Protein backbone atom coordinates (compact mmCIF):
# COMPACT_ATOMS: atom_id res chain seq x y z
CA MET A 1 -47.77 -114.49 218.36
CA LEU A 2 -48.54 -113.34 221.99
CA VAL A 3 -46.64 -110.16 221.54
CA ASP A 4 -48.70 -109.46 218.37
CA ALA A 5 -51.95 -110.22 220.04
CA TYR A 6 -51.25 -108.40 223.38
CA SER A 7 -48.56 -105.82 223.02
CA ARG A 8 -51.03 -102.81 222.46
CA LYS A 9 -53.04 -103.75 225.67
CA ILE A 10 -49.80 -104.21 227.66
CA PHE A 11 -48.29 -100.90 226.26
CA ASN A 12 -51.48 -98.95 227.01
CA LEU A 13 -51.38 -100.31 230.63
CA ALA A 14 -47.68 -99.49 230.88
CA TYR A 15 -48.21 -95.95 229.42
CA GLN A 16 -51.09 -95.20 231.75
CA PHE A 17 -49.08 -96.36 234.62
CA SER A 18 -45.91 -94.51 233.76
CA GLY A 19 -47.04 -91.63 231.76
CA SER A 20 -43.97 -91.76 229.54
CA TYR A 21 -43.99 -93.24 226.00
CA GLN A 22 -40.28 -94.25 226.20
CA GLU A 23 -40.69 -95.81 229.55
CA ALA A 24 -44.01 -97.65 228.47
CA GLU A 25 -42.03 -99.18 225.56
CA ASP A 26 -39.33 -100.48 227.94
CA LEU A 27 -41.84 -101.69 230.51
CA THR A 28 -43.80 -103.42 227.80
CA GLN A 29 -40.69 -105.30 226.74
CA GLU A 30 -39.95 -106.30 230.36
CA ILE A 31 -43.39 -107.61 230.91
CA PHE A 32 -43.24 -109.77 227.82
CA ILE A 33 -39.85 -111.22 229.12
CA LYS A 34 -41.55 -111.83 232.52
CA LEU A 35 -44.42 -113.51 230.53
CA TYR A 36 -41.98 -115.74 228.72
CA HIS A 37 -40.41 -116.93 232.00
CA SER A 38 -43.89 -117.27 233.70
CA LEU A 39 -45.70 -119.24 231.07
CA GLY A 40 -45.09 -122.42 232.91
CA LYS A 41 -47.20 -120.88 235.86
CA TYR A 42 -50.26 -120.28 233.88
CA ASP A 43 -53.32 -122.23 234.74
CA ALA A 44 -55.01 -123.09 231.47
CA GLY A 45 -58.42 -123.07 233.22
CA LYS A 46 -58.14 -119.38 233.88
CA ASN A 47 -58.70 -116.37 231.52
CA PHE A 48 -55.35 -115.74 229.83
CA THR A 49 -55.92 -112.00 229.23
CA ALA A 50 -56.81 -111.46 232.88
CA TRP A 51 -53.70 -113.50 233.94
CA LEU A 52 -51.40 -111.47 231.60
CA LEU A 53 -52.88 -108.10 232.75
CA THR A 54 -52.35 -109.22 236.39
CA LEU A 55 -48.85 -110.21 235.67
CA GLY A 56 -48.19 -106.79 233.85
CA ARG A 57 -49.99 -104.84 236.65
CA ASN A 58 -47.80 -106.60 239.34
CA HIS A 59 -44.68 -105.82 237.36
CA LEU A 60 -45.58 -102.16 237.05
CA ILE A 61 -46.32 -101.82 240.68
CA ASP A 62 -42.96 -103.54 241.48
CA GLN A 63 -41.25 -101.08 239.20
CA TYR A 64 -43.03 -98.08 240.73
CA ARG A 65 -42.05 -99.33 244.28
CA ARG A 66 -38.44 -99.75 243.11
CA THR A 67 -38.05 -96.18 241.58
CA ARG A 68 -40.56 -93.98 243.47
CA ARG A 69 -39.44 -91.14 241.51
CA GLU A 70 -41.32 -88.31 239.96
CA LYS A 71 -42.84 -89.24 236.51
CA THR A 72 -41.74 -86.92 233.76
CA GLN A 73 -41.97 -86.47 230.08
CA ARG A 74 -45.63 -87.62 229.49
CA ASP A 75 -45.57 -85.15 226.70
CA ASP A 76 -44.06 -87.35 223.97
CA PHE A 77 -46.97 -89.61 223.52
CA GLU A 78 -49.74 -87.25 224.71
CA GLU A 79 -48.56 -84.33 222.60
CA HIS A 80 -48.65 -86.59 219.57
CA ARG A 81 -52.12 -87.88 220.46
CA PHE A 82 -53.25 -84.44 221.49
CA LYS A 83 -52.24 -82.83 218.17
CA ALA A 84 -53.96 -85.48 216.17
CA GLY A 85 -57.21 -84.75 217.83
CA SER A 86 -56.73 -81.10 218.57
CA SER A 87 -59.28 -78.43 217.54
CA ALA A 88 -58.48 -75.42 215.51
CA ASP A 89 -58.94 -73.13 218.46
CA PRO A 90 -55.46 -72.84 220.16
CA GLU A 91 -57.01 -71.44 223.38
CA GLU A 92 -59.23 -74.59 223.59
CA SER A 93 -56.29 -76.77 222.99
CA LEU A 94 -54.16 -75.13 225.75
CA ILE A 95 -57.10 -75.43 228.34
CA ARG A 96 -57.41 -79.09 227.46
CA GLU A 97 -53.57 -79.61 227.84
CA GLU A 98 -53.47 -77.70 231.20
CA THR A 99 -56.59 -79.83 232.42
CA ARG A 100 -54.89 -83.08 231.19
CA LYS A 101 -51.59 -82.20 233.24
CA LYS A 102 -53.60 -81.47 236.37
CA VAL A 103 -55.33 -84.72 236.10
CA TRP A 104 -52.10 -86.60 235.62
CA ASP A 105 -50.50 -84.76 238.55
CA GLY A 106 -53.56 -85.58 240.62
CA LEU A 107 -53.23 -89.35 239.55
CA ASP A 108 -49.65 -89.30 240.73
CA GLY A 109 -50.93 -88.26 244.21
CA LEU A 110 -53.20 -91.17 244.65
CA PRO A 111 -52.13 -94.41 246.31
CA GLU A 112 -51.11 -97.01 243.71
CA ASP A 113 -54.23 -99.22 244.35
CA MET A 114 -56.49 -96.32 243.69
CA ARG A 115 -54.46 -95.03 240.73
CA MET A 116 -54.60 -98.41 239.10
CA ALA A 117 -58.39 -98.66 239.68
CA LEU A 118 -59.00 -95.32 237.95
CA ILE A 119 -56.73 -96.10 235.05
CA LEU A 120 -58.30 -99.51 234.39
CA ARG A 121 -61.92 -98.17 234.75
CA ASP A 122 -61.99 -94.57 233.51
CA ILE A 123 -59.10 -94.41 231.20
CA GLN A 124 -58.91 -97.85 229.71
CA GLY A 125 -62.65 -98.53 230.14
CA HIS A 126 -62.59 -101.98 231.66
CA SER A 127 -65.70 -103.27 233.31
CA TYR A 128 -65.88 -103.78 237.11
CA GLU A 129 -66.03 -107.59 236.35
CA GLU A 130 -62.98 -107.50 234.34
CA MET A 131 -61.09 -105.47 237.05
CA ALA A 132 -62.18 -107.84 239.77
CA GLU A 133 -60.85 -110.80 237.71
CA SER A 134 -57.66 -109.22 236.72
CA LEU A 135 -56.92 -107.65 240.13
CA ASP A 136 -58.10 -110.79 241.82
CA ILE A 137 -60.20 -108.95 244.37
CA PRO A 138 -64.06 -109.12 245.07
CA LEU A 139 -66.34 -106.94 242.86
CA GLY A 140 -67.45 -104.92 245.82
CA THR A 141 -63.88 -104.04 246.60
CA VAL A 142 -63.31 -102.91 242.99
CA LYS A 143 -66.42 -100.60 243.07
CA SER A 144 -65.34 -99.23 246.43
CA ARG A 145 -61.78 -98.59 245.28
CA VAL A 146 -62.95 -96.73 242.12
CA ASN A 147 -65.43 -94.72 244.08
CA ARG A 148 -62.78 -93.69 246.71
CA ALA A 149 -60.18 -92.94 244.01
CA ARG A 150 -62.60 -90.61 242.15
CA LEU A 151 -63.51 -88.75 245.33
CA GLN A 152 -59.85 -88.48 246.40
CA LEU A 153 -58.80 -87.27 242.99
CA ALA A 154 -61.50 -84.72 242.91
CA ARG A 155 -60.43 -83.54 246.37
CA LEU A 156 -56.89 -83.37 245.27
CA LEU A 157 -57.67 -81.46 242.15
CA ARG A 158 -59.98 -79.01 244.13
CA ASP A 159 -57.27 -78.49 246.72
CA ARG A 160 -54.71 -77.78 244.05
CA GLN A 161 -57.00 -75.46 242.23
CA GLY A 162 -57.56 -73.41 245.35
CA ALA A 163 -53.75 -73.33 245.90
CA ASP A 164 -53.35 -71.93 242.40
CA TYR A 165 -55.68 -69.03 243.13
CA ASP A 166 -53.67 -68.20 246.33
CA LEU A 167 -50.55 -67.63 244.25
């Protein structure tokens, strides 16, 4: 019942973190196995969704720290999703695909706390309050982290764009 209710939310979190459809499927399974083993630690007085997302986020961060390798093959899921919503104009589709890749590369260049903040807020659309609860940090810290992440991402993208022109 928990898998049915939360698998999409956990998969989306895992995919946004990993960028790979295949890896996100594996991570989703790992998170639900971890959930099964951790259910005894759940405090019934707390929000279950926030607790589960925190459990998942912590697992993803641990996984990232263990592997620390370049993320590849974002294309499986994105290409499928991109084609489903693509316009008839191939040039516009190509520009959007290039922009998407640049943003993902920029996200990969952010520290993990900033990356997670941007994913939760700007990609998944969580409110600042939801983020504060699931990350277990003060609301002001969440807002600051999102702001700093946006500024750093913009700086990274601007610097990389300048480097592209130098070639």
